[in-house]
Amino acid sequence: MYITVVPPLREIEKGINISYTTEYAIQKNFLLPSKRFTWIMGGWGPCSASCGGGRRQKTTACWDTKYEKVVKRTLCSLLQKPKLESGKCNTFGCSIQWIAGEWEPCTTSCGNNGVQHRELYCVPNSVLNEILFKHNGTTKYPWVHMVNPNKCSGMKPSSERPLLR
């Protein structure tokens, strides 16, 4: 059986994450510990909130030690399944804005055809204050705190300017 969850487009545009839980029935002999099929821990799953604080869990998969590949979860014993680690995520505030990086050198050494570029970063306001404080009023390493640019509010700064000499 397959279940498809399709949220309304307006919810997707807001950046709302959707998660689901499944249950399944297994044969009684699959409850017994197995040496061939074992649980392996994966990375973090999605956060339940895009900002303002959410929860996320580590993922698991069933591993076939004979053929060294991931297999159906029903082949692994539920008695051996590890406890899933969970933690907080996206704890920054929901107020997010654009930050402009430093202007890079001109694309030409002289003349009127040069252009300068700079990177633009979308960062939470709560993190921005921390960045400015730690780095004496400069926005050093803003990419570490970047979020999806679709969440940025306000006018997007220019990332390019002509250089007139």
C-alpha atoms as a PDB file:
ATOM      1  CA  MET A   1       0.000   0.000   0.000  1.00  0.00           C
ATOM      2  CA  TYR A   2       1.263   3.499  -0.844  1.00  0.00           C
ATOM      3  CA  ILE A   3       0.155   6.729   0.795  1.00  0.00           C
ATOM      4  CA  THR A   4       0.861  10.035  -0.924  1.00  0.00           C
ATOM      5  CA  VAL A   5       0.696  13.272   1.037  1.00  0.00           C
ATOM      6  CA  VAL A   6       0.339  16.403  -1.078  1.00  0.00           C
ATOM      7  CA  PRO A   7       0.074  19.620   0.915  1.00  0.00           C
ATOM      8  CA  PRO A   8      -1.500  22.768  -0.544  1.00  0.00           C
ATOM      9  CA  LEU A   9       0.918  24.880  -2.621  1.00  0.00           C
ATOM     10  CA  ARG A  10       0.604  27.836  -0.211  1.00  0.00           C
ATOM     11  CA  GLU A  11       1.919  25.633   2.626  1.00  0.00           C
ATOM     12  CA  ILE A  12       4.922  24.555   0.542  1.00  0.00           C
ATOM     13  CA  GLU A  13       5.700  28.192  -0.344  1.00  0.00           C
ATOM     14  CA  LYS A  14       5.696  29.074   3.377  1.00  0.00           C
ATOM     15  CA  GLY A  15       8.381  26.429   3.870  1.00  0.00           C
ATOM     16  CA  ILE A  16       6.290  24.173   6.095  1.00  0.00           C
ATOM     17  CA  ASN A  17       7.793  20.711   6.499  1.00  0.00           C
ATOM     18  CA  ILE A  18       5.567  17.659   6.589  1.00  0.00           C
ATOM     19  CA  SER A  19       6.518  14.412   8.259  1.00  0.00           C
ATOM     20  CA  TYR A  20       4.687  11.146   8.712  1.00  0.00           C
ATOM     21  CA  THR A  21       4.920   7.933  10.689  1.00  0.00           C
ATOM     22  CA  THR A  22       4.180   4.485   9.379  1.00  0.00           C
ATOM     23  CA  GLU A  23       3.342   1.215  11.056  1.00  0.00           C
ATOM     24  CA  TYR A  24       3.639  -2.207   9.546  1.00  0.00           C
ATOM     25  CA  ALA A  25       2.909  -5.815  10.458  1.00  0.00           C
ATOM     26  CA  ILE A  26       5.658  -8.395  10.357  1.00  0.00           C
ATOM     27  CA  GLN A  27       5.829 -12.135  10.667  1.00  0.00           C
ATOM     28  CA  LYS A  28       6.576 -13.490  14.132  1.00  0.00           C
ATOM     29  CA  ASN A  29       9.964 -14.973  13.107  1.00  0.00           C
ATOM     30  CA  PHE A  30      11.235 -11.501  12.140  1.00  0.00           C
ATOM     31  CA  LEU A  31      11.018 -10.468  15.795  1.00  0.00           C
ATOM     32  CA  LEU A  32      13.964 -12.752  16.547  1.00  0.00           C
ATOM     33  CA  PRO A  33      17.458 -11.239  16.440  1.00  0.00           C
ATOM     34  CA  SER A  34      19.254 -11.659  13.130  1.00  0.00           C
ATOM     35  CA  LYS A  35      22.961 -11.647  12.257  1.00  0.00           C
ATOM     36  CA  ARG A  36      22.351 -11.062   8.559  1.00  0.00           C
ATOM     37  CA  PHE A  37      19.933  -8.122   8.820  1.00  0.00           C
ATOM     38  CA  THR A  38      20.906  -5.327  11.176  1.00  0.00           C
ATOM     39  CA  TRP A  39      19.842  -1.747  11.845  1.00  0.00           C
ATOM     40  CA  ILE A  40      22.193   1.089  10.886  1.00  0.00           C
ATOM     41  CA  MET A  41      21.913   4.719  11.954  1.00  0.00           C
ATOM     42  CA  GLY A  42      21.682   7.419   9.318  1.00  0.00           C
ATOM     43  CA  GLY A  43      21.748  11.196   9.351  1.00  0.00           C
ATOM     44  CA  TRP A  44      19.233  13.659  10.675  1.00  0.00           C
ATOM     45  CA  GLY A  45      15.717  13.688   9.254  1.00  0.00           C
ATOM     46  CA  PRO A  46      13.866  16.920   8.433  1.00  0.00           C
ATOM     47  CA  CYS A  47      13.088  19.513  11.067  1.00  0.00           C
ATOM     48  CA  SER A  48       9.448  19.871  12.107  1.00  0.00           C
ATOM     49  CA  ALA A  49       9.690  23.695  11.806  1.00  0.00           C
ATOM     50  CA  SER A  50      11.540  25.951   9.392  1.00  0.00           C
ATOM     51  CA  CYS A  51      12.205  28.546  12.135  1.00  0.00           C
ATOM     52  CA  GLY A  52      11.233  29.337  15.713  1.00  0.00           C
ATOM     53  CA  GLY A  53      12.300  25.896  17.003  1.00  0.00           C
ATOM     54  CA  GLY A  54      11.404  22.388  15.950  1.00  0.00           C
ATOM     55  CA  ARG A  55      12.399  18.755  16.493  1.00  0.00           C
ATOM     56  CA  ARG A  56      14.179  16.230  14.290  1.00  0.00           C
ATOM     57  CA  GLN A  57      15.187  12.572  14.584  1.00  0.00           C
ATOM     58  CA  LYS A  58      18.042  10.446  13.369  1.00  0.00           C
ATOM     59  CA  THR A  59      17.051   8.007  10.639  1.00  0.00           C
ATOM     60  CA  THR A  60      17.552   4.245  10.548  1.00  0.00           C
ATOM     61  CA  ALA A  61      17.748   1.685   7.789  1.00  0.00           C
ATOM     62  CA  CYS A  62      17.864  -2.089   7.605  1.00  0.00           C
ATOM     63  CA  TRP A  63      21.233  -3.389   6.344  1.00  0.00           C
ATOM     64  CA  ASP A  64      21.840  -6.751   4.692  1.00  0.00           C
ATOM     65  CA  THR A  65      25.343  -7.776   5.877  1.00  0.00           C
ATOM     66  CA  LYS A  66      25.571 -10.572   3.294  1.00  0.00           C
ATOM     67  CA  TYR A  67      25.006  -8.388   0.209  1.00  0.00           C
ATOM     68  CA  GLU A  68      26.051  -5.107   1.881  1.00  0.00           C
ATOM     69  CA  LYS A  69      23.051  -3.039   0.911  1.00  0.00           C
ATOM     70  CA  VAL A  70      19.978  -1.397   2.427  1.00  0.00           C
ATOM     71  CA  VAL A  71      16.887  -3.604   2.334  1.00  0.00           C
ATOM     72  CA  LYS A  72      13.223  -3.441   3.388  1.00  0.00           C
ATOM     73  CA  ARG A  73      12.782  -2.457   7.027  1.00  0.00           C
ATOM     74  CA  THR A  74      10.572  -5.475   7.657  1.00  0.00           C
ATOM     75  CA  LEU A  75      13.620  -7.770   7.355  1.00  0.00           C
ATOM     76  CA  CYS A  76      15.217  -6.345  10.508  1.00  0.00           C
ATOM     77  CA  SER A  77      14.149  -7.346  13.996  1.00  0.00           C
ATOM     78  CA  LEU A  78      12.143  -4.733  15.879  1.00  0.00           C
ATOM     79  CA  LEU A  79      13.759  -6.006  19.080  1.00  0.00           C
ATOM     80  CA  GLN A  80      17.160  -4.880  17.798  1.00  0.00           C
ATOM     81  CA  LYS A  81      16.034  -1.509  16.455  1.00  0.00           C
ATOM     82  CA  PRO A  82      18.067   1.249  18.161  1.00  0.00           C
ATOM     83  CA  LYS A  83      16.416   4.053  20.066  1.00  0.00           C
ATOM     84  CA  LEU A  84      16.170   7.052  17.766  1.00  0.00           C
ATOM     85  CA  GLU A  85      18.109  10.112  18.842  1.00  0.00           C
ATOM     86  CA  SER A  86      16.164  13.368  18.593  1.00  0.00           C
ATOM     87  CA  GLY A  87      17.099  16.983  19.057  1.00  0.00           C
ATOM     88  CA  LYS A  88      16.154  20.598  18.608  1.00  0.00           C
ATOM     89  CA  CYS A  89      16.565  22.301  15.241  1.00  0.00           C
ATOM     90  CA  ASN A  90      16.002  25.660  13.539  1.00  0.00           C
ATOM     91  CA  THR A  91      15.888  27.407  16.905  1.00  0.00           C
ATOM     92  CA  PHE A  92      16.528  30.832  15.367  1.00  0.00           C
ATOM     93  CA  GLY A  93      13.715  33.385  15.099  1.00  0.00           C
ATOM     94  CA  CYS A  94      11.462  33.681  12.078  1.00  0.00           C
ATOM     95  CA  SER A  95      12.520  37.242  11.241  1.00  0.00           C
ATOM     96  CA  ILE A  96      15.010  36.854   8.384  1.00  0.00           C
ATOM     97  CA  GLN A  97      16.789  39.412   6.189  1.00  0.00           C
ATOM     98  CA  TRP A  98      19.367  39.917   3.437  1.00  0.00           C
ATOM     99  CA  ILE A  99      23.025  40.608   4.226  1.00  0.00           C
ATOM    100  CA  ALA A 100      25.386  41.810   1.515  1.00  0.00           C
ATOM    101  CA  GLY A 101      29.002  40.651   1.482  1.00  0.00           C
ATOM    102  CA  GLU A 102      32.045  42.741   0.599  1.00  0.00           C
ATOM    103  CA  TRP A 103      32.510  43.936  -2.976  1.00  0.00           C
ATOM    104  CA  GLU A 104      34.978  41.782  -4.910  1.00  0.00           C
ATOM    105  CA  PRO A 105      37.714  43.301  -7.107  1.00  0.00           C
ATOM    106  CA  CYS A 106      36.672  44.740 -10.450  1.00  0.00           C
ATOM    107  CA  THR A 107      36.488  42.325 -13.393  1.00  0.00           C
ATOM    108  CA  THR A 108      38.794  44.540 -15.485  1.00  0.00           C
ATOM    109  CA  SER A 109      41.914  46.415 -14.460  1.00  0.00           C
ATOM    110  CA  CYS A 110      40.920  49.700 -16.119  1.00  0.00           C
ATOM    111  CA  GLY A 111      38.309  51.312 -18.344  1.00  0.00           C
ATOM    112  CA  ASN A 112      34.557  51.687 -18.155  1.00  0.00           C
ATOM    113  CA  ASN A 113      33.610  48.052 -18.722  1.00  0.00           C
ATOM    114  CA  GLY A 114      34.380  46.698 -15.278  1.00  0.00           C
ATOM    115  CA  VAL A 115      31.853  45.131 -12.936  1.00  0.00           C
ATOM    116  CA  GLN A 116      32.067  44.348  -9.239  1.00  0.00           C
ATOM    117  CA  HIS A 117      30.199  41.464  -7.607  1.00  0.00           C
ATOM    118  CA  ARG A 118      29.316  40.551  -4.037  1.00  0.00           C
ATOM    119  CA  GLU A 119      27.618  37.618  -2.373  1.00  0.00           C
ATOM    120  CA  LEU A 120      24.172  37.964  -0.790  1.00  0.00           C
ATOM    121  CA  TYR A 121      23.170  35.965   2.272  1.00  0.00           C
ATOM    122  CA  CYS A 122      19.780  35.327   3.822  1.00  0.00           C
ATOM    123  CA  VAL A 123      20.205  35.076   7.618  1.00  0.00           C
ATOM    124  CA  PRO A 124      17.953  35.232  10.686  1.00  0.00           C
ATOM    125  CA  ASN A 125      17.985  38.580  12.524  1.00  0.00           C
ATOM    126  CA  SER A 126      18.719  36.826  15.811  1.00  0.00           C
ATOM    127  CA  VAL A 127      21.893  35.337  14.311  1.00  0.00           C
ATOM    128  CA  LEU A 128      22.845  38.608  12.616  1.00  0.00           C
ATOM    129  CA  ASN A 129      23.210  40.383  15.969  1.00  0.00           C
ATOM    130  CA  GLU A 130      25.448  37.555  17.202  1.00  0.00           C
ATOM    131  CA  ILE A 131      27.633  37.736  14.060  1.00  0.00           C
ATOM    132  CA  LEU A 132      28.056  41.507  14.362  1.00  0.00           C
ATOM    133  CA  PHE A 133      28.941  41.258  18.067  1.00  0.00           C
ATOM    134  CA  LYS A 134      31.512  38.458  17.626  1.00  0.00           C
ATOM    135  CA  HIS A 135      33.281  40.103  14.709  1.00  0.00           C
ATOM    136  CA  ASN A 136      33.408  43.780  15.771  1.00  0.00           C
ATOM    137  CA  GLY A 137      30.550  44.995  13.597  1.00  0.00           C
ATOM    138  CA  THR A 138      31.438  43.028  10.457  1.00  0.00           C
ATOM    139  CA  THR A 139      29.447  40.189   8.932  1.00  0.00           C
ATOM    140  CA  LYS A 140      32.204  37.577   8.948  1.00  0.00           C
ATOM    141  CA  TYR A 141      31.214  34.049   7.822  1.00  0.00           C
ATOM    142  CA  PRO A 142      27.502  34.785   7.212  1.00  0.00           C
ATOM    143  CA  TRP A 143      27.141  31.672   5.008  1.00  0.00           C
ATOM    144  CA  VAL A 144      27.383  29.494   8.109  1.00  0.00           C
ATOM    145  CA  HIS A 145      23.950  30.797   9.182  1.00  0.00           C
ATOM    146  CA  MET A 146      22.214  30.993   5.790  1.00  0.00           C
ATOM    147  CA  VAL A 147      18.624  29.867   5.381  1.00  0.00           C
ATOM    148  CA  ASN A 148      16.517  29.367   2.263  1.00  0.00           C
ATOM    149  CA  PRO A 149      16.531  32.675   0.304  1.00  0.00           C
ATOM    150  CA  ASN A 150      12.775  32.330  -0.279  1.00  0.00           C
ATOM    151  CA  LYS A 151      12.296  33.120   3.411  1.00  0.00           C
ATOM    152  CA  CYS A 152      14.121  36.475   3.223  1.00  0.00           C
ATOM    153  CA  SER A 153      12.030  39.589   3.655  1.00  0.00           C
ATOM    154  CA  GLY A 154      12.706  43.108   2.478  1.00  0.00           C
ATOM    155  CA  MET A 155      14.347  44.397  -0.658  1.00  0.00           C
ATOM    156  CA  LYS A 156      17.127  42.195  -2.023  1.00  0.00           C
ATOM    157  CA  PRO A 157      20.371  44.220  -2.274  1.00  0.00           C
ATOM    158  CA  SER A 158      22.197  44.464  -5.582  1.00  0.00           C
ATOM    159  CA  SER A 159      24.879  41.825  -6.104  1.00  0.00           C
ATOM    160  CA  GLU A 160      26.519  43.632  -9.024  1.00  0.00           C
ATOM    161  CA  ARG A 161      27.558  47.196  -9.858  1.00  0.00           C
ATOM    162  CA  PRO A 162      29.324  48.778 -12.822  1.00  0.00           C
ATOM    163  CA  LEU A 163      32.679  50.349 -12.161  1.00  0.00           C
ATOM    164  CA  LEU A 164      33.061  53.712 -13.884  1.00  0.00           C
ATOM    165  CA  ARG A 165      36.593  55.087 -13.901  1.00  0.00           C
END
